[in-house]
Amino acid sequence: MVSEQIIFAGFGGQGILSIGKFLAYAGMDANLNVSWLPSYGPEMRGGTANCSVILTDESIGSPIVTKADSLVVMNRPSLDKFEDSVASNGVIIIDSDLVDRMPRRTDVDVIAIPAQTIAERLGSKKIANMVLLGALVKKTGIVSVKALINSLKIHGKEEFFEINKKAVEKGVECIK
């Protein structure tokens, strides 16, 4: 059985909904059943944003994720809100440049990545989300890195493909 329930969370404008969408597309392209459920505050940029993604080879009864297998967070309020939503033995990936505390949980695998720093070295802080997405895909194996990159090529904007691909590859390198 293939199954992964993921929550992506951060501020509006960080590309939280986009990385959820790209993962969902990669799952669809891999013939998995997919659910993508966005949630954002009325402020849009600067407000909170999160999305839940479910990828599985079984039927999806509900798009709502109550116990995530993985959590990707790009700000402290999101870690505070969703840390307890991760199942035991799950994974929490944080942007250590923006989240000023480590998760308190000891029953999950915590991966801290300086995504802003990595993205800036590649040319734009706007691709920090893609660094974290690459790390998630490598860590969970829910889809192949190749499938994710193919998803970016097919479903993303052509002018951003190369830099997004590089960001994903850097995220993959962050996973030992």
C-alpha atoms as a PDB file:
ATOM      1  CA  MET A   1       0.000   0.000   0.000  1.00  0.00           C
ATOM      2  CA  VAL A   2       1.207   3.477  -0.910  1.00  0.00           C
ATOM      3  CA  SER A   3      -0.143   6.273   1.265  1.00  0.00           C
ATOM      4  CA  GLU A   4       1.069   9.632   2.543  1.00  0.00           C
ATOM      5  CA  GLN A   5      -0.848  12.445   4.203  1.00  0.00           C
ATOM      6  CA  ILE A   6       1.019  15.748   4.210  1.00  0.00           C
ATOM      7  CA  ILE A   7       0.374  19.217   5.612  1.00  0.00           C
ATOM      8  CA  PHE A   8       2.258  22.162   4.094  1.00  0.00           C
ATOM      9  CA  ALA A   9       2.023  25.387   6.126  1.00  0.00           C
ATOM     10  CA  GLY A  10       3.442  28.901   6.257  1.00  0.00           C
ATOM     11  CA  PHE A  11       2.607  32.491   5.379  1.00  0.00           C
ATOM     12  CA  GLY A  12       0.679  33.461   2.257  1.00  0.00           C
ATOM     13  CA  GLY A  13       3.070  34.305  -0.565  1.00  0.00           C
ATOM     14  CA  GLN A  14       5.635  31.620   0.344  1.00  0.00           C
ATOM     15  CA  GLY A  15       4.312  29.186  -2.262  1.00  0.00           C
ATOM     16  CA  ILE A  16       2.752  26.787   0.232  1.00  0.00           C
ATOM     17  CA  LEU A  17      -0.287  26.038  -1.929  1.00  0.00           C
ATOM     18  CA  SER A  18       1.924  25.742  -5.023  1.00  0.00           C
ATOM     19  CA  ILE A  19       4.179  23.042  -3.601  1.00  0.00           C
ATOM     20  CA  GLY A  20       1.114  21.103  -2.486  1.00  0.00           C
ATOM     21  CA  LYS A  21      -0.259  21.373  -6.001  1.00  0.00           C
ATOM     22  CA  PHE A  22       2.979  20.251  -7.638  1.00  0.00           C
ATOM     23  CA  LEU A  23       3.126  17.224  -5.347  1.00  0.00           C
ATOM     24  CA  ALA A  24      -0.520  16.438  -6.130  1.00  0.00           C
ATOM     25  CA  TYR A  25       0.194  16.669  -9.869  1.00  0.00           C
ATOM     26  CA  ALA A  26       3.199  14.362  -9.475  1.00  0.00           C
ATOM     27  CA  GLY A  27       0.952  11.904  -7.628  1.00  0.00           C
ATOM     28  CA  MET A  28      -1.675  12.041 -10.373  1.00  0.00           C
ATOM     29  CA  ASP A  29       1.002  11.523 -13.012  1.00  0.00           C
ATOM     30  CA  ALA A  30       2.149   8.464 -11.006  1.00  0.00           C
ATOM     31  CA  ASN A  31      -1.430   7.094 -11.131  1.00  0.00           C
ATOM     32  CA  LEU A  32      -2.096   7.636  -7.431  1.00  0.00           C
ATOM     33  CA  ASN A  33      -5.373   8.861  -5.990  1.00  0.00           C
ATOM     34  CA  VAL A  34      -4.885  12.451  -4.917  1.00  0.00           C
ATOM     35  CA  SER A  35      -6.513  15.066  -2.730  1.00  0.00           C
ATOM     36  CA  TRP A  36      -5.324  18.688  -2.457  1.00  0.00           C
ATOM     37  CA  LEU A  37      -7.183  20.890   0.025  1.00  0.00           C
ATOM     38  CA  PRO A  38      -6.015  24.519   0.333  1.00  0.00           C
ATOM     39  CA  SER A  39      -6.733  26.794   3.291  1.00  0.00           C
ATOM     40  CA  TYR A  40      -5.705  30.408   3.661  1.00  0.00           C
ATOM     41  CA  GLY A  41      -6.629  33.479   5.620  1.00  0.00           C
ATOM     42  CA  PRO A  42      -8.334  36.480   4.034  1.00  0.00           C
ATOM     43  CA  GLU A  43      -5.082  38.486   4.042  1.00  0.00           C
ATOM     44  CA  MET A  44      -3.455  36.290   1.341  1.00  0.00           C
ATOM     45  CA  ARG A  45       0.172  37.540   1.346  1.00  0.00           C
ATOM     46  CA  GLY A  46       1.397  37.635   4.919  1.00  0.00           C
ATOM     47  CA  GLY A  47      -1.612  35.767   6.303  1.00  0.00           C
ATOM     48  CA  THR A  48      -1.478  32.086   7.110  1.00  0.00           C
ATOM     49  CA  ALA A  49      -1.718  29.482   4.374  1.00  0.00           C
ATOM     50  CA  ASN A  50      -1.737  25.722   4.496  1.00  0.00           C
ATOM     51  CA  CYS A  51      -2.811  22.816   2.391  1.00  0.00           C
ATOM     52  CA  SER A  52      -3.351  19.140   2.931  1.00  0.00           C
ATOM     53  CA  VAL A  53      -2.276  16.629   0.320  1.00  0.00           C
ATOM     54  CA  ILE A  54      -3.143  12.948   0.328  1.00  0.00           C
ATOM     55  CA  LEU A  55      -1.458  10.544  -2.088  1.00  0.00           C
ATOM     56  CA  THR A  56      -2.522   6.898  -2.013  1.00  0.00           C
ATOM     57  CA  ASP A  57      -3.258   3.872  -4.149  1.00  0.00           C
ATOM     58  CA  GLU A  58      -6.473   3.347  -2.166  1.00  0.00           C
ATOM     59  CA  SER A  59      -9.715   5.333  -2.154  1.00  0.00           C
ATOM     60  CA  ILE A  60      -9.688   8.684  -0.345  1.00  0.00           C
ATOM     61  CA  GLY A  61     -12.654   8.982   1.987  1.00  0.00           C
ATOM     62  CA  SER A  62     -12.046  12.596   3.012  1.00  0.00           C
ATOM     63  CA  PRO A  63      -9.596  15.323   1.973  1.00  0.00           C
ATOM     64  CA  ILE A  64      -9.159  16.380   5.596  1.00  0.00           C
ATOM     65  CA  VAL A  65      -5.881  15.334   7.195  1.00  0.00           C
ATOM     66  CA  THR A  66      -6.220  14.797  10.944  1.00  0.00           C
ATOM     67  CA  LYS A  67      -2.971  12.848  11.514  1.00  0.00           C
ATOM     68  CA  ALA A  68      -0.325  13.784   8.982  1.00  0.00           C
ATOM     69  CA  ASP A  69       2.514  11.478   8.045  1.00  0.00           C
ATOM     70  CA  SER A  70       4.567  14.549   7.139  1.00  0.00           C
ATOM     71  CA  LEU A  71       4.534  18.255   7.924  1.00  0.00           C
ATOM     72  CA  VAL A  72       6.443  20.945   6.029  1.00  0.00           C
ATOM     73  CA  VAL A  73       6.520  24.327   7.805  1.00  0.00           C
ATOM     74  CA  MET A  74       7.907  27.667   6.716  1.00  0.00           C
ATOM     75  CA  ASN A  75       7.105  29.769   9.806  1.00  0.00           C
ATOM     76  CA  ARG A  76       6.850  29.524  13.579  1.00  0.00           C
ATOM     77  CA  PRO A  77       3.058  29.967  13.846  1.00  0.00           C
ATOM     78  CA  SER A  78       2.598  26.981  11.528  1.00  0.00           C
ATOM     79  CA  LEU A  79       4.887  24.812  13.633  1.00  0.00           C
ATOM     80  CA  ASP A  80       2.990  25.874  16.762  1.00  0.00           C
ATOM     81  CA  LYS A  81      -0.345  25.058  15.126  1.00  0.00           C
ATOM     82  CA  PHE A  82       0.439  21.780  13.326  1.00  0.00           C
ATOM     83  CA  GLU A  83       3.238  20.077  15.289  1.00  0.00           C
ATOM     84  CA  ASP A  84       0.772  17.935  17.238  1.00  0.00           C
ATOM     85  CA  SER A  85      -1.042  16.955  14.017  1.00  0.00           C
ATOM     86  CA  VAL A  86       1.815  14.687  12.954  1.00  0.00           C
ATOM     87  CA  ALA A  87       1.519  10.974  13.664  1.00  0.00           C
ATOM     88  CA  SER A  88       4.175   9.208  15.755  1.00  0.00           C
ATOM     89  CA  ASN A  89       7.125   8.203  13.562  1.00  0.00           C
ATOM     90  CA  GLY A  90       6.139  10.953  11.126  1.00  0.00           C
ATOM     91  CA  VAL A  91       8.375  13.615   9.600  1.00  0.00           C
ATOM     92  CA  ILE A  92       8.547  17.351  10.277  1.00  0.00           C
ATOM     93  CA  ILE A  93      10.573  19.391   7.804  1.00  0.00           C
ATOM     94  CA  ILE A  94      11.211  23.003   8.806  1.00  0.00           C
ATOM     95  CA  ASP A  95      12.795  25.999   7.123  1.00  0.00           C
ATOM     96  CA  SER A  96      15.355  26.659   9.852  1.00  0.00           C
ATOM     97  CA  ASP A  97      15.970  30.171   8.484  1.00  0.00           C
ATOM     98  CA  LEU A  98      12.399  31.182   9.363  1.00  0.00           C
ATOM     99  CA  VAL A  99      11.315  28.892  12.198  1.00  0.00           C
ATOM    100  CA  ASP A 100      13.008  30.027  15.420  1.00  0.00           C
ATOM    101  CA  ARG A 101      12.468  26.855  17.435  1.00  0.00           C
ATOM    102  CA  MET A 102      12.858  23.154  16.881  1.00  0.00           C
ATOM    103  CA  PRO A 103       9.850  20.857  17.247  1.00  0.00           C
ATOM    104  CA  ARG A 104       9.378  19.629  20.817  1.00  0.00           C
ATOM    105  CA  ARG A 105       8.307  16.170  19.714  1.00  0.00           C
ATOM    106  CA  THR A 106      10.733  13.304  20.220  1.00  0.00           C
ATOM    107  CA  ASP A 107       8.631  10.665  18.432  1.00  0.00           C
ATOM    108  CA  VAL A 108       9.037  12.190  14.951  1.00  0.00           C
ATOM    109  CA  ASP A 109      11.928  12.640  12.538  1.00  0.00           C
ATOM    110  CA  VAL A 110      12.844  16.343  12.410  1.00  0.00           C
ATOM    111  CA  ILE A 111      14.686  17.734   9.414  1.00  0.00           C
ATOM    112  CA  ALA A 112      15.830  21.358   9.636  1.00  0.00           C
ATOM    113  CA  ILE A 113      16.881  22.898   6.327  1.00  0.00           C
ATOM    114  CA  PRO A 114      18.096  26.497   5.827  1.00  0.00           C
ATOM    115  CA  ALA A 115      15.860  26.767   2.765  1.00  0.00           C
ATOM    116  CA  GLN A 116      16.021  30.576   2.465  1.00  0.00           C
ATOM    117  CA  THR A 117      19.825  30.503   2.431  1.00  0.00           C
ATOM    118  CA  ILE A 118      19.930  27.699  -0.149  1.00  0.00           C
ATOM    119  CA  ALA A 119      17.339  29.429  -2.336  1.00  0.00           C
ATOM    120  CA  GLU A 120      19.164  32.764  -2.155  1.00  0.00           C
ATOM    121  CA  ARG A 121      22.376  31.057  -3.327  1.00  0.00           C
ATOM    122  CA  LEU A 122      20.427  29.723  -6.298  1.00  0.00           C
ATOM    123  CA  GLY A 123      19.224  33.222  -7.133  1.00  0.00           C
ATOM    124  CA  SER A 124      15.866  33.773  -5.431  1.00  0.00           C
ATOM    125  CA  LYS A 125      14.434  33.321  -1.931  1.00  0.00           C
ATOM    126  CA  LYS A 126      11.090  32.666  -3.634  1.00  0.00           C
ATOM    127  CA  ILE A 127      12.159  29.078  -4.370  1.00  0.00           C
ATOM    128  CA  ALA A 128      12.774  28.092  -0.735  1.00  0.00           C
ATOM    129  CA  ASN A 129       9.482  26.201  -0.882  1.00  0.00           C
ATOM    130  CA  MET A 130      10.835  24.039  -3.706  1.00  0.00           C
ATOM    131  CA  VAL A 131      13.930  23.164  -1.656  1.00  0.00           C
ATOM    132  CA  LEU A 132      11.653  21.839   1.101  1.00  0.00           C
ATOM    133  CA  LEU A 133       9.489  19.977  -1.419  1.00  0.00           C
ATOM    134  CA  GLY A 134      12.562  18.232  -2.845  1.00  0.00           C
ATOM    135  CA  ALA A 135      13.588  17.176   0.661  1.00  0.00           C
ATOM    136  CA  LEU A 136      10.088  15.849   1.409  1.00  0.00           C
ATOM    137  CA  VAL A 137       9.911  13.778  -1.766  1.00  0.00           C
ATOM    138  CA  LYS A 138      13.372  12.321  -1.182  1.00  0.00           C
ATOM    139  CA  LYS A 139      12.620  11.533   2.491  1.00  0.00           C
ATOM    140  CA  THR A 140       9.182   9.966   1.962  1.00  0.00           C
ATOM    141  CA  GLY A 141       9.619   8.429  -1.482  1.00  0.00           C
ATOM    142  CA  ILE A 142       5.880   8.921  -2.068  1.00  0.00           C
ATOM    143  CA  VAL A 143       6.712   9.831  -5.671  1.00  0.00           C
ATOM    144  CA  SER A 144      10.073   9.732  -7.383  1.00  0.00           C
ATOM    145  CA  VAL A 145      12.169  12.879  -7.674  1.00  0.00           C
ATOM    146  CA  LYS A 146      11.981  12.351 -11.435  1.00  0.00           C
ATOM    147  CA  ALA A 147       8.161  12.350 -11.277  1.00  0.00           C
ATOM    148  CA  LEU A 148       8.205  15.577  -9.265  1.00  0.00           C
ATOM    149  CA  ILE A 149      10.550  17.295 -11.713  1.00  0.00           C
ATOM    150  CA  ASN A 150       8.397  16.076 -14.588  1.00  0.00           C
ATOM    151  CA  SER A 151       5.376  17.553 -12.807  1.00  0.00           C
ATOM    152  CA  LEU A 152       7.150  20.921 -12.635  1.00  0.00           C
ATOM    153  CA  LYS A 153       7.880  20.746 -16.354  1.00  0.00           C
ATOM    154  CA  ILE A 154       4.331  19.800 -17.356  1.00  0.00           C
ATOM    155  CA  HIS A 155       2.275  21.815 -14.862  1.00  0.00           C
ATOM    156  CA  GLY A 156       4.561  24.736 -13.984  1.00  0.00           C
ATOM    157  CA  LYS A 157       5.552  27.869 -15.838  1.00  0.00           C
ATOM    158  CA  GLU A 158       8.285  27.230 -18.369  1.00  0.00           C
ATOM    159  CA  GLU A 159      10.313  30.302 -17.344  1.00  0.00           C
ATOM    160  CA  PHE A 160      10.623  28.974 -13.766  1.00  0.00           C
ATOM    161  CA  PHE A 161      11.341  25.339 -14.581  1.00  0.00           C
ATOM    162  CA  GLU A 162      15.158  25.383 -14.450  1.00  0.00           C
ATOM    163  CA  ILE A 163      15.439  27.299 -11.157  1.00  0.00           C
ATOM    164  CA  ASN A 164      12.675  25.215  -9.553  1.00  0.00           C
ATOM    165  CA  LYS A 165      14.425  22.027 -10.709  1.00  0.00           C
ATOM    166  CA  LYS A 166      17.692  23.210  -9.156  1.00  0.00           C
ATOM    167  CA  ALA A 167      15.888  24.039  -5.899  1.00  0.00           C
ATOM    168  CA  VAL A 168      14.263  20.584  -5.774  1.00  0.00           C
ATOM    169  CA  GLU A 169      17.657  18.969  -6.422  1.00  0.00           C
ATOM    170  CA  LYS A 170      19.233  20.981  -3.577  1.00  0.00           C
ATOM    171  CA  GLY A 171      16.445  19.835  -1.267  1.00  0.00           C
ATOM    172  CA  VAL A 172      17.088  16.237  -2.278  1.00  0.00           C
ATOM    173  CA  GLU A 173      20.779  16.714  -1.392  1.00  0.00           C
ATOM    174  CA  CYS A 174      19.755  17.801   2.138  1.00  0.00           C
ATOM    175  CA  ILE A 175      18.474  14.279   2.886  1.00  0.00           C
ATOM    176  CA  LYS A 176      21.203  11.867   3.895  1.00  0.00           C
END
